[in-house]
């Protein structure tokens, strides 16, 4: 029978662990707790917490809320969210990841800095992603978001550029953007780049490559909305073409199991350990 192994290094990062712990602590006290957006980009974990009483709301619903308790997830929020909370007497349970908070502060300081030169604040990240919306909010919406190298063409290379990164993006992708800007920027202006990628994510890349390469078949467990899930899955694919992205045991394709002697189960920083264990059990039952 094929050997099934769960990657010990996969699973929640400390930012997600903190947010979920805060939610569980508040729910244990009783009373109503809202969460602004999915607490984590994993539908199964969202369902688990919903069953415990957590109510997920969007920004429109948040704006209408008064005299309530709202959890802010690890991704962080723009300043206007805190303004609305003050106006509407909303108690904030702030679970913003400290890595994201530091980055927000850095971007805000750069934005409010008094200098006579015109500069562009650029964020390498996914447009519309919760964390990126929080970062752009530090600049009253003025920061430019660039996700692919081609998008860097829209920058004005005759102006100063300050480049930051969404914390869960790929280090290689960030360095490609840096090189592109360096090649095109005018010598009369300045370019500064800040590698603000979270090492909890970046440090997983060498391990996940090694893990994926050491098995015949890989099931990468991740919510479809997870940014770091997409990035880490692509790293698995690079070293093992027989890697498959799933977010539940129902998505396991049994026909893939026939020729595999060793099967690896790994996941994103937003993937709960219990879900990887559930998938490992499901694989084992199909192998019998």
Protein backbone atom coordinates (compact mmCIF):
# COMPACT_ATOMS: atom_id res chain seq x y z
CA UNK A 1 0.00 0.00 0.00
CA UNK A 2 1.18 3.52 -0.78
CA UNK A 3 2.66 5.59 2.01
CA UNK A 4 0.74 8.81 2.89
CA UNK A 5 2.61 11.66 4.58
CA UNK A 6 1.41 15.05 5.84
CA UNK A 7 3.94 17.88 5.58
CA UNK A 8 4.75 18.92 9.16
CA UNK A 9 5.75 22.43 8.03
CA UNK A 10 2.39 23.15 6.35
CA UNK A 11 -0.60 24.73 8.05
CA UNK A 12 -1.54 27.99 9.72
CA UNK A 13 1.01 30.79 10.15
CA UNK A 14 1.10 32.59 13.50
CA UNK A 15 -1.04 35.49 12.19
CA UNK A 16 -3.90 33.14 11.31
CA UNK A 17 -3.49 31.15 14.55
CA UNK A 18 -3.80 34.40 16.55
CA UNK A 19 -6.92 35.50 14.66
CA UNK A 20 -8.65 32.13 15.14
CA UNK A 21 -7.68 31.98 18.83
CA UNK A 22 -9.12 35.48 19.35
CA UNK A 23 -12.35 34.46 17.60
CA UNK A 24 -12.68 31.29 19.71
CA UNK A 25 -11.97 33.19 22.95
CA UNK A 26 -14.62 35.83 22.16
CA UNK A 27 -17.19 33.24 21.07
CA UNK A 28 -16.63 31.31 24.32
CA UNK A 29 -17.75 34.43 26.25
CA UNK A 30 -21.13 34.33 24.53
CA UNK A 31 -22.76 37.29 22.80
CA UNK A 32 -22.65 38.10 19.10
CA UNK A 33 -19.33 38.31 17.26
CA UNK A 34 -19.03 39.51 13.68
CA UNK A 35 -15.98 39.07 11.44
CA UNK A 36 -15.28 41.55 8.64
CA UNK A 37 -14.65 39.25 5.66
CA UNK A 38 -13.73 35.54 5.81
CA UNK A 39 -11.47 35.07 8.85
CA UNK A 40 -9.16 32.93 6.70
CA UNK A 41 -9.20 32.05 2.99
CA UNK A 42 -10.34 28.50 3.69
CA UNK A 43 -14.05 27.73 3.38
CA UNK A 44 -13.91 24.66 5.65
CA UNK A 45 -12.39 26.63 8.55
CA UNK A 46 -14.89 29.45 7.95
CA UNK A 47 -17.71 26.87 8.20
CA UNK A 48 -16.27 25.44 11.44
CA UNK A 49 -16.23 28.89 13.09
CA UNK A 50 -19.67 29.73 11.69
CA UNK A 51 -20.98 26.63 13.50
CA UNK A 52 -19.48 28.11 16.70
CA UNK A 53 -21.41 31.34 16.13
CA UNK A 54 -19.07 33.61 14.12
CA UNK A 55 -21.02 35.80 11.69
CA UNK A 56 -19.11 36.89 8.57
CA UNK A 57 -20.11 40.28 7.16
CA UNK A 58 -18.94 42.43 4.24
CA UNK A 59 -17.98 46.12 4.33
CA UNK A 60 -21.46 47.25 3.31
CA UNK A 61 -23.02 45.39 6.25
CA UNK A 62 -20.27 46.68 8.55
CA UNK A 63 -21.13 50.27 7.60
CA UNK A 64 -24.74 49.71 8.73
CA UNK A 65 -23.76 48.05 12.02
CA UNK A 66 -24.06 49.85 15.38
CA UNK A 67 -23.20 48.93 19.00
CA UNK A 68 -21.63 45.59 18.02
CA UNK A 69 -18.41 43.62 18.39
CA UNK A 70 -16.38 43.01 15.20
CA UNK A 71 -13.22 40.97 14.67
CA UNK A 72 -10.70 42.29 12.12
CA UNK A 73 -8.83 39.36 10.57
CA UNK A 74 -5.08 38.98 10.04
CA UNK A 75 -5.12 40.72 6.62
CA UNK A 76 -5.62 44.17 8.14
CA UNK A 77 -7.96 47.03 7.25
CA UNK A 78 -7.65 50.60 5.90
CA UNK A 79 -7.96 53.57 8.32
CA UNK A 80 -11.58 54.28 7.25
CA UNK A 81 -12.72 50.97 8.83
CA UNK A 82 -11.54 52.23 12.24
CA UNK A 83 -13.25 55.61 11.60
CA UNK A 84 -16.58 53.87 10.90
CA UNK A 85 -16.16 51.75 14.06
CA UNK A 86 -15.68 54.90 16.17
CA UNK A 87 -18.73 56.58 14.63
CA UNK A 88 -20.99 53.52 14.99
CA UNK A 89 -19.85 52.50 18.48
CA UNK A 90 -18.39 49.22 17.22
CA UNK A 91 -15.95 47.43 19.50
CA UNK A 92 -13.02 46.21 17.41
CA UNK A 93 -11.26 42.92 18.23
CA UNK A 94 -8.10 43.58 16.21
CA UNK A 95 -6.42 40.42 14.96
CA UNK A 96 -4.35 42.18 12.27
CA UNK A 97 -1.10 40.27 11.82
CA UNK A 98 1.86 42.18 13.37
CA UNK A 99 3.82 41.76 10.11
CA UNK A 100 0.97 43.46 8.20
CA UNK A 101 0.65 46.20 10.85
CA UNK A 102 4.35 47.04 10.53
CA UNK A 103 4.01 47.24 6.77
CA UNK A 104 0.92 49.49 6.99
CA UNK A 105 2.83 51.82 9.32
CA UNK A 106 5.86 51.89 6.97
CA UNK A 107 3.72 52.78 3.96
CA UNK A 108 1.82 55.48 5.88
CA UNK A 109 5.08 57.06 7.11
CA UNK A 110 6.39 57.15 3.54
CA UNK A 111 3.12 58.65 2.30
CA UNK A 112 2.93 61.47 4.87
CA UNK A 113 6.65 62.27 4.72
CA UNK A 114 7.22 65.88 3.75
CA UNK A 115 9.44 66.01 0.69
CA UNK A 116 9.20 68.33 -2.24
CA UNK A 117 9.66 65.61 -4.88
CA UNK A 118 6.75 63.80 -6.46
CA UNK A 119 6.92 60.05 -5.76
CA UNK A 120 4.92 56.92 -6.52
CA UNK A 121 4.21 54.38 -3.80
CA UNK A 122 3.95 51.00 -5.50
CA UNK A 123 2.68 47.76 -3.97
CA UNK A 124 3.52 44.43 -5.53
CA UNK A 125 0.36 42.48 -4.77
CA UNK A 126 -3.02 41.21 -5.90
CA UNK A 127 -5.48 43.97 -6.76
CA UNK A 128 -8.55 43.76 -4.55
CA UNK A 129 -6.94 41.40 -2.02
CA UNK A 130 -7.96 42.22 1.57
CA UNK A 131 -4.39 42.94 2.72
CA UNK A 132 -3.67 45.10 -0.35
CA UNK A 133 -6.85 47.18 0.23
CA UNK A 134 -5.58 47.85 3.77
CA UNK A 135 -2.16 48.90 2.43
CA UNK A 136 -3.55 51.15 -0.31
CA UNK A 137 -5.81 52.72 2.34
CA UNK A 138 -2.71 54.04 4.14
CA UNK A 139 -2.13 56.31 1.12
CA UNK A 140 -5.77 57.51 0.76
CA UNK A 141 -6.01 55.28 -2.31
CA UNK A 142 -2.99 56.79 -4.11
CA UNK A 143 -0.66 53.75 -4.09
CA UNK A 144 -0.29 51.88 -7.39
CA UNK A 145 -0.82 48.11 -7.28
CA UNK A 146 1.29 45.97 -9.62
CA UNK A 147 0.79 42.22 -9.79
CA UNK A 148 2.70 41.24 -12.94
CA UNK A 149 5.84 42.56 -14.57
CA UNK A 150 3.83 43.81 -17.58
CA UNK A 151 1.77 45.98 -15.23
CA UNK A 152 4.94 47.80 -14.13
CA UNK A 153 4.89 49.51 -17.54
CA UNK A 154 2.15 51.86 -16.29
CA UNK A 155 4.58 53.44 -13.80
CA UNK A 156 6.06 56.86 -14.48
CA UNK A 157 9.81 56.21 -14.59
CA UNK A 158 10.58 59.94 -14.49
CA UNK A 159 9.32 60.09 -10.86
CA UNK A 160 10.71 58.62 -7.63
CA UNK A 161 9.43 55.12 -6.83
CA UNK A 162 9.07 53.39 -3.45
CA UNK A 163 8.23 49.69 -3.85
CA UNK A 164 6.70 47.44 -1.17
CA UNK A 165 5.23 43.94 -1.32
CA UNK A 166 2.07 42.26 -0.08
CA UNK A 167 3.35 39.96 2.70
CA UNK A 168 2.26 36.70 1.02
CA UNK A 169 3.67 37.23 -2.46
CA UNK A 170 6.53 35.32 -4.07
CA UNK A 171 10.07 36.55 -3.47
CA UNK A 172 11.03 35.70 -7.08
CA UNK A 173 8.10 37.73 -8.40
CA UNK A 174 9.09 40.70 -6.23
CA UNK A 175 12.72 40.55 -7.42
CA UNK A 176 11.56 40.45 -11.06
CA UNK A 177 9.59 43.70 -10.51
CA UNK A 178 12.65 45.28 -8.80
CA UNK A 179 14.86 44.37 -11.80
CA UNK A 180 12.30 45.69 -14.27
CA UNK A 181 12.05 49.07 -12.48
CA UNK A 182 15.85 49.29 -12.16
CA UNK A 183 16.18 48.78 -15.93
CA UNK A 184 13.63 51.49 -16.79
CA UNK A 185 13.94 54.18 -14.12
CA UNK A 186 15.41 57.54 -15.11
CA UNK A 187 18.88 58.24 -13.60
CA UNK A 188 17.60 61.64 -12.34
CA UNK A 189 15.19 60.08 -9.83
CA UNK A 190 15.45 57.63 -6.93
CA UNK A 191 14.14 54.10 -6.55
CA UNK A 192 13.94 52.30 -3.21
CA UNK A 193 12.53 48.79 -2.77
CA UNK A 194 11.53 47.17 0.52
CA UNK A 195 11.24 43.39 0.68
CA UNK A 196 8.22 43.19 2.99
CA UNK A 197 7.38 39.53 2.29
CA UNK A 198 6.57 37.55 5.43
CA UNK A 199 9.30 35.01 6.13
CA UNK A 200 6.68 32.62 7.56
CA UNK A 201 5.52 32.33 3.95
CA UNK A 202 8.81 32.77 2.07
CA UNK A 203 10.67 30.26 4.28
CA UNK A 204 8.14 27.58 3.37
CA UNK A 205 9.15 27.58 -0.28
CA UNK A 206 12.40 25.50 0.00
CA UNK A 207 10.63 23.03 2.31
CA UNK A 208 7.54 22.64 0.15
CA UNK A 209 9.70 22.08 -2.95
CA UNK A 210 11.65 19.37 -1.13
CA UNK A 211 8.46 17.76 0.18
CA UNK A 212 6.75 17.81 -3.25
CA UNK A 213 9.84 16.35 -4.95
CA UNK A 214 10.00 13.46 -2.46
CA UNK A 215 6.56 12.02 -3.36
CA UNK A 216 4.99 10.51 -6.51
CA UNK A 217 1.71 12.34 -5.97
CA UNK A 218 0.90 15.59 -4.12
CA UNK A 219 -2.43 16.83 -2.83
CA UNK A 220 -2.06 20.51 -1.99
CA UNK A 221 -4.89 21.53 0.32
CA UNK A 222 -5.96 25.16 0.08
CA UNK A 223 -8.96 27.45 -0.26
CA UNK A 224 -9.32 28.69 -3.83
CA UNK A 225 -9.16 32.35 -2.64
CA UNK A 226 -5.86 31.96 -0.77
CA UNK A 227 -3.10 34.13 -2.25
CA UNK A 228 -0.22 32.26 -0.60
CA UNK A 229 -2.01 28.98 -1.45
CA UNK A 230 -1.76 29.79 -5.18
CA UNK A 231 1.88 30.76 -4.78
CA UNK A 232 2.92 27.68 -2.75
CA UNK A 233 0.95 25.34 -5.02
CA UNK A 234 2.82 26.71 -8.05
CA UNK A 235 6.09 25.89 -6.24
CA UNK A 236 4.88 22.28 -5.81
CA UNK A 237 3.98 22.12 -9.52
CA UNK A 238 7.46 23.30 -10.53
CA UNK A 239 9.12 20.27 -8.95
CA UNK A 240 6.30 17.72 -9.23
CA UNK A 241 3.90 17.92 -12.19
CA UNK A 242 1.69 15.36 -10.43
CA UNK A 243 0.53 17.98 -7.87
CA UNK A 244 -3.19 18.67 -7.43
CA UNK A 245 -4.97 21.52 -5.65
CA UNK A 246 -7.98 20.46 -3.57
CA UNK A 247 -9.93 22.06 -0.73
CA UNK A 248 -11.87 19.03 0.54
CA UNK A 249 -11.76 15.21 0.64
CA UNK A 250 -14.58 15.15 -1.96
CA UNK A 251 -12.16 16.55 -4.55
CA UNK A 252 -9.72 13.62 -4.32
CA UNK A 253 -9.52 11.96 -7.74
CA UNK A 254 -9.25 8.22 -6.89
CA UNK A 255 -7.81 7.38 -10.33
CA UNK A 256 -4.63 9.29 -9.39
CA UNK A 257 -3.91 6.90 -6.50
CA UNK A 258 -3.38 3.76 -8.59
CA UNK A 259 0.25 4.29 -9.62
CA UNK A 260 1.54 6.21 -6.59
CA UNK A 261 3.85 4.56 -4.04
CA UNK A 262 4.14 7.68 -1.92
CA UNK A 263 1.52 10.41 -1.52
CA UNK A 264 2.17 13.78 0.10
CA UNK A 265 -0.44 16.08 1.67
CA UNK A 266 0.59 19.71 2.20
CA UNK A 267 -1.05 23.12 2.28
CA UNK A 268 -1.06 26.90 2.63
CA UNK A 269 -0.58 29.15 5.66
CA UNK A 270 -4.40 29.38 5.66
CA UNK A 271 -4.94 25.59 5.71
CA UNK A 272 -5.92 24.02 9.05
CA UNK A 273 -4.02 20.91 10.20
CA UNK A 274 -7.32 19.11 10.92
CA UNK A 275 -8.29 19.45 7.24
CA UNK A 276 -4.98 17.94 6.02
CA UNK A 277 -5.51 15.08 8.50
CA UNK A 278 -9.06 14.55 7.20
CA UNK A 279 -7.74 14.36 3.63
CA UNK A 280 -4.95 11.96 4.63
CA UNK A 281 -7.55 9.64 6.25
CA UNK A 282 -9.76 9.84 3.13
CA UNK A 283 -6.79 8.89 0.90
CA UNK A 284 -5.93 5.93 3.15
CA UNK A 285 -9.53 4.68 3.09
CA UNK A 286 -9.55 4.83 -0.74
CA UNK A 287 -6.28 2.85 -0.85
CA UNK A 288 -7.73 -0.12 1.08
